[in-house]
C-alpha atoms as a PDB file:
ATOM      1  CA  MET A   1     -68.818 -33.294  23.777  1.00  0.00           C
ATOM      2  CA  SER A   2     -70.959 -34.984  26.403  1.00  0.00           C
ATOM      3  CA  ASP A   3     -71.744 -38.634  27.036  1.00  0.00           C
ATOM      4  CA  LEU A   4     -75.558 -38.697  26.872  1.00  0.00           C
ATOM      5  CA  ASP A   5     -75.720 -41.230  29.720  1.00  0.00           C
ATOM      6  CA  SER A   6     -73.853 -38.837  32.013  1.00  0.00           C
ATOM      7  CA  VAL A   7     -76.137 -35.870  31.240  1.00  0.00           C
ATOM      8  CA  MET A   8     -78.959 -35.341  33.727  1.00  0.00           C
ATOM      9  CA  ILE A   9     -82.001 -33.157  33.023  1.00  0.00           C
ATOM     10  CA  GLU A  10     -83.094 -31.554  36.293  1.00  0.00           C
ATOM     11  CA  SER A  11     -84.770 -28.478  37.678  1.00  0.00           C
ATOM     12  CA  ALA A  12     -82.519 -25.445  37.724  1.00  0.00           C
ATOM     13  CA  THR A  13     -81.465 -24.068  41.108  1.00  0.00           C
ATOM     14  CA  MET A  14     -80.754 -20.542  42.301  1.00  0.00           C
ATOM     15  CA  ASP A  15     -77.132 -21.595  42.813  1.00  0.00           C
ATOM     16  CA  GLU A  16     -76.926 -21.925  39.017  1.00  0.00           C
ATOM     17  CA  LEU A  17     -78.440 -18.526  38.256  1.00  0.00           C
ATOM     18  CA  ASP A  18     -75.235 -16.744  37.220  1.00  0.00           C
ATOM     19  CA  ARG A  19     -74.090 -19.672  35.043  1.00  0.00           C
ATOM     20  CA  LEU A  20     -77.499 -19.736  33.338  1.00  0.00           C
ATOM     21  CA  VAL A  21     -77.296 -16.018  32.626  1.00  0.00           C
ATOM     22  CA  GLU A  22     -73.908 -16.585  30.961  1.00  0.00           C
ATOM     23  CA  ARG A  23     -75.370 -19.413  28.862  1.00  0.00           C
ATOM     24  CA  TRP A  24     -78.297 -17.178  27.837  1.00  0.00           C
ATOM     25  CA  LEU A  25     -75.835 -14.487  26.758  1.00  0.00           C
ATOM     26  CA  GLU A  26     -74.140 -17.116  24.556  1.00  0.00           C
ATOM     27  CA  LEU A  27     -77.535 -18.067  23.112  1.00  0.00           C
ATOM     28  CA  ALA A  28     -78.460 -14.437  22.388  1.00  0.00           C
ATOM     29  CA  ALA A  29     -75.077 -13.709  20.793  1.00  0.00           C
ATOM     30  CA  GLY A  30     -75.348 -16.806  18.599  1.00  0.00           C
ATOM     31  CA  GLN A  31     -78.828 -15.842  17.420  1.00  0.00           C
ATOM     32  CA  ARG A  32     -77.559 -12.530  16.042  1.00  0.00           C
ATOM     33  CA  GLU A  33     -76.215 -14.346  12.974  1.00  0.00           C
ATOM     34  CA  TYR A  34     -79.835 -15.270  12.185  1.00  0.00           C
ATOM     35  CA  GLY A  35     -81.126 -11.720  12.535  1.00  0.00           C
ATOM     36  CA  SER A  36     -81.970 -11.554  16.238  1.00  0.00           C
ATOM     37  CA  GLN A  37     -82.039  -8.021  17.565  1.00  0.00           C
ATOM     38  CA  LEU A  38     -81.534  -9.006  21.207  1.00  0.00           C
ATOM     39  CA  GLN A  39     -78.708  -7.169  22.870  1.00  0.00           C
ATOM     40  CA  THR A  40     -76.528  -9.299  25.101  1.00  0.00           C
ATOM     41  CA  ALA A  41     -74.699  -7.528  27.920  1.00  0.00           C
ATOM     42  CA  THR A  42     -77.273  -4.722  28.206  1.00  0.00           C
ATOM     43  CA  ASN A  43     -79.923  -7.338  29.030  1.00  0.00           C
ATOM     44  CA  ARG A  44     -77.868  -9.084  31.734  1.00  0.00           C
ATOM     45  CA  SER A  45     -79.885  -7.793  34.713  1.00  0.00           C
ATOM     46  CA  ARG A  46     -83.238  -8.339  32.959  1.00  0.00           C
ATOM     47  CA  ILE A  47     -82.397 -11.909  31.993  1.00  0.00           C
ATOM     48  CA  ARG A  48     -81.086 -12.548  35.509  1.00  0.00           C
ATOM     49  CA  ASP A  49     -84.451 -11.440  36.910  1.00  0.00           C
ATOM     50  CA  SER A  50     -86.304 -13.546  34.335  1.00  0.00           C
ATOM     51  CA  PHE A  51     -84.246 -16.639  35.147  1.00  0.00           C
ATOM     52  CA  ALA A  52     -84.753 -16.102  38.873  1.00  0.00           C
ATOM     53  CA  ARG A  53     -88.539 -16.034  38.328  1.00  0.00           C
ATOM     54  CA  ARG A  54     -88.424 -19.150  36.117  1.00  0.00           C
ATOM     55  CA  ILE A  55     -86.264 -21.034  38.644  1.00  0.00           C
ATOM     56  CA  ALA A  56     -88.481 -20.002  41.574  1.00  0.00           C
ATOM     57  CA  GLY A  57     -91.570 -21.053  39.602  1.00  0.00           C
ATOM     58  CA  GLY A  58     -90.125 -24.430  38.576  1.00  0.00           C
ATOM     59  CA  GLN A  59     -90.053 -23.317  34.940  1.00  0.00           C
ATOM     60  CA  ALA A  60     -86.398 -23.942  34.130  1.00  0.00           C
ATOM     61  CA  ARG A  61     -84.534 -27.169  33.489  1.00  0.00           C
ATOM     62  CA  VAL A  62     -80.833 -27.702  32.985  1.00  0.00           C
ATOM     63  CA  ALA A  63     -78.803 -30.384  31.321  1.00  0.00           C
ATOM     64  CA  ARG A  64     -75.926 -31.176  33.676  1.00  0.00           C
ATOM     65  CA  ASP A  65     -72.853 -33.157  32.800  1.00  0.00           C
ATOM     66  CA  GLY A  66     -71.290 -33.464  36.231  1.00  0.00           C
ATOM     67  CA  ASP A  67     -70.897 -29.893  37.479  1.00  0.00           C
ATOM     68  CA  ARG A  68     -71.110 -28.445  33.975  1.00  0.00           C
ATOM     69  CA  ILE A  69     -74.319 -26.978  32.536  1.00  0.00           C
ATOM     70  CA  VAL A  70     -74.394 -28.027  28.882  1.00  0.00           C
ATOM     71  CA  GLY A  71     -77.902 -26.746  28.140  1.00  0.00           C
ATOM     72  CA  PHE A  72     -81.111 -25.290  29.504  1.00  0.00           C
ATOM     73  CA  VAL A  73     -84.754 -24.688  28.711  1.00  0.00           C
ATOM     74  CA  THR A  74     -87.203 -22.176  30.156  1.00  0.00           C
ATOM     75  CA  PHE A  75     -90.959 -22.251  29.744  1.00  0.00           C
ATOM     76  CA  THR A  76     -94.218 -20.820  31.057  1.00  0.00           C
ATOM     77  CA  MET A  77     -97.945 -20.885  30.535  1.00  0.00           C
ATOM     78  CA  GLU A  78     -99.184 -18.162  28.200  1.00  0.00           C
ATOM     79  CA  GLY A  79    -101.111 -15.407  29.888  1.00  0.00           C
ATOM     80  CA  SER A  80    -103.887 -13.527  28.162  1.00  0.00           C
ATOM     81  CA  THR A  81    -106.651 -11.070  28.907  1.00  0.00           C
ATOM     82  CA  PHE A  82    -108.822 -12.859  26.329  1.00  0.00           C
ATOM     83  CA  SER A  83    -110.662 -16.152  26.724  1.00  0.00           C
ATOM     84  CA  LYS A  84    -109.209 -18.801  24.443  1.00  0.00           C
ATOM     85  CA  SER A  85    -110.205 -22.292  23.414  1.00  0.00           C
ATOM     86  CA  VAL A  86    -106.680 -23.581  24.127  1.00  0.00           C
ATOM     87  CA  GLN A  87    -104.393 -23.288  27.140  1.00  0.00           C
ATOM     88  CA  ARG A  88    -101.000 -22.656  25.582  1.00  0.00           C
ATOM     89  CA  GLY A  89     -97.642 -23.421  27.117  1.00  0.00           C
ATOM     90  CA  VAL A  90     -94.646 -21.547  25.752  1.00  0.00           C
ATOM     91  CA  VAL A  91     -91.069 -22.772  25.469  1.00  0.00           C
ATOM     92  CA  GLN A  92     -89.132 -19.529  25.759  1.00  0.00           C
ATOM     93  CA  ASN A  93     -85.490 -20.541  25.470  1.00  0.00           C
ATOM     94  CA  LEU A  94     -83.826 -23.808  24.516  1.00  0.00           C
ATOM     95  CA  TYR A  95     -80.048 -23.897  24.421  1.00  0.00           C
ATOM     96  CA  VAL A  96     -77.407 -26.594  24.136  1.00  0.00           C
ATOM     97  CA  GLU A  97     -73.731 -25.662  23.984  1.00  0.00           C
ATOM     98  CA  SER A  98     -72.293 -26.137  20.501  1.00  0.00           C
ATOM     99  CA  GLU A  99     -69.953 -28.989  21.526  1.00  0.00           C
ATOM    100  CA  SER A 100     -72.902 -31.025  22.836  1.00  0.00           C
ATOM    101  CA  ARG A 101     -75.377 -30.553  20.001  1.00  0.00           C
ATOM    102  CA  SER A 102     -76.739 -33.484  17.968  1.00  0.00           C
ATOM    103  CA  GLU A 103     -76.425 -35.788  20.978  1.00  0.00           C
ATOM    104  CA  GLY A 104     -80.076 -35.807  22.065  1.00  0.00           C
ATOM    105  CA  ILE A 105     -79.704 -33.249  24.852  1.00  0.00           C
ATOM    106  CA  GLY A 106     -81.951 -30.683  23.152  1.00  0.00           C
ATOM    107  CA  THR A 107     -84.628 -33.332  22.651  1.00  0.00           C
ATOM    108  CA  ARG A 108     -84.478 -34.322  26.305  1.00  0.00           C
ATOM    109  CA  LEU A 109     -84.694 -30.683  27.443  1.00  0.00           C
ATOM    110  CA  LEU A 110     -87.643 -30.015  25.132  1.00  0.00           C
ATOM    111  CA  GLU A 111     -89.427 -33.151  26.361  1.00  0.00           C
ATOM    112  CA  ALA A 112     -88.894 -32.076  29.988  1.00  0.00           C
ATOM    113  CA  ALA A 113     -90.438 -28.671  29.244  1.00  0.00           C
ATOM    114  CA  GLU A 114     -93.343 -30.280  27.384  1.00  0.00           C
ATOM    115  CA  ARG A 115     -94.064 -32.640  30.302  1.00  0.00           C
ATOM    116  CA  ALA A 116     -94.051 -29.764  32.790  1.00  0.00           C
ATOM    117  CA  LEU A 117     -96.330 -27.653  30.583  1.00  0.00           C
ATOM    118  CA  ILE A 118     -98.783 -30.522  30.063  1.00  0.00           C
ATOM    119  CA  GLU A 119     -98.857 -31.097  33.833  1.00  0.00           C
ATOM    120  CA  ALA A 120     -99.621 -27.373  34.223  1.00  0.00           C
ATOM    121  CA  GLY A 121    -102.626 -27.740  31.916  1.00  0.00           C
ATOM    122  CA  ALA A 122    -101.306 -26.934  28.443  1.00  0.00           C
ATOM    123  CA  ASP A 123    -103.400 -28.148  25.509  1.00  0.00           C
ATOM    124  CA  ALA A 124    -100.852 -26.835  23.007  1.00  0.00           C
ATOM    125  CA  ILE A 125     -97.205 -25.806  23.195  1.00  0.00           C
ATOM    126  CA  SER A 126     -95.628 -23.062  21.140  1.00  0.00           C
ATOM    127  CA  LEU A 127     -92.114 -21.777  20.640  1.00  0.00           C
ATOM    128  CA  GLU A 128     -90.227 -19.477  18.323  1.00  0.00           C
ATOM    129  CA  ALA A 129     -87.229 -19.957  16.070  1.00  0.00           C
ATOM    130  CA  MET A 130     -85.469 -17.411  13.913  1.00  0.00           C
ATOM    131  CA  ALA A 131     -86.670 -17.685  10.298  1.00  0.00           C
ATOM    132  CA  ASP A 132     -83.085 -17.985   9.007  1.00  0.00           C
ATOM    133  CA  ASN A 133     -82.072 -20.662  11.547  1.00  0.00           C
ATOM    134  CA  GLU A 134     -82.916 -23.666   9.394  1.00  0.00           C
ATOM    135  CA  SER A 135     -81.272 -26.186  11.755  1.00  0.00           C
ATOM    136  CA  ALA A 136     -83.452 -25.021  14.672  1.00  0.00           C
ATOM    137  CA  ARG A 137     -86.565 -24.996  12.492  1.00  0.00           C
ATOM    138  CA  GLN A 138     -85.801 -28.530  11.307  1.00  0.00           C
ATOM    139  CA  PHE A 139     -85.177 -29.663  14.900  1.00  0.00           C
ATOM    140  CA  TYR A 140     -88.654 -28.463  15.903  1.00  0.00           C
ATOM    141  CA  ARG A 141     -90.349 -29.860  12.781  1.00  0.00           C
ATOM    142  CA  ASP A 142     -88.761 -33.248  13.519  1.00  0.00           C
ATOM    143  CA  ARG A 143     -90.433 -33.123  16.945  1.00  0.00           C
ATOM    144  CA  GLY A 144     -93.908 -32.378  15.615  1.00  0.00           C
ATOM    145  CA  TYR A 145     -93.972 -28.574  15.708  1.00  0.00           C
ATOM    146  CA  ARG A 146     -95.629 -26.772  12.788  1.00  0.00           C
ATOM    147  CA  PRO A 147     -96.010 -23.067  12.004  1.00  0.00           C
ATOM    148  CA  HIS A 148     -99.029 -21.560  13.702  1.00  0.00           C
ATOM    149  CA  ARG A 149     -98.464 -17.829  13.305  1.00  0.00           C
ATOM    150  CA  VAL A 150     -95.949 -16.119  11.078  1.00  0.00           C
ATOM    151  CA  THR A 151     -94.382 -12.816  12.075  1.00  0.00           C
ATOM    152  CA  TYR A 152     -93.454 -10.387   9.307  1.00  0.00           C
ATOM    153  CA  GLU A 153     -90.977  -7.606   9.823  1.00  0.00           C
ATOM    154  CA  LYS A 154     -90.029  -4.594   7.744  1.00  0.00           C
ATOM    155  CA  SER A 155     -87.090  -2.313   8.444  1.00  0.00           C
ATOM    156  CA  VAL A 156     -87.990   1.336   8.129  1.00  0.00           C
ATOM    157  CA  GLU A 157     -85.757   4.285   7.424  1.00  0.00           C
ATOM    158  CA  ASN A 158     -85.636   7.320   9.699  1.00  0.00           C
ATOM    159  CA  ASP A 159     -87.026   9.522   6.936  1.00  0.00           C
ATOM    160  CA  THR A 160     -90.235   7.528   6.438  1.00  0.00           C
ATOM    161  CA  PRO A 161     -93.326   9.825   6.279  1.00  0.00           C
END
């Protein structure tokens, strides 16, 4: 548990890269109970590269309680080959350790990402949550997010024609 007053939301640094990768692995493992298909350890080098790019680009924030990282958020502007009427920012990952949830840290991280995306020119901000993760979906609804696109998925058998 963290004291909200002692938690600082700041830009992530390269010195924190390995700790952030470990936190992402926790996030990915936790999402498997909601149907996520992300592998954890096999993605370690890819997520390390992704975090390094986000840190270098100023697109990662951490929630620090002293020397401890209790949460993080990563974000970017959406790229597209098509012209669009809206510049969309994307929150890619938002994580708060289980002991520090429901203390306002997730809200502060999300607000920091939103501010950075708006400063970068975003007209809209999108994010994803697992369909079965009702607490995450409620968290985002409570902060003004509404469904925009819905992804459908069907498992197929190996013997499908």
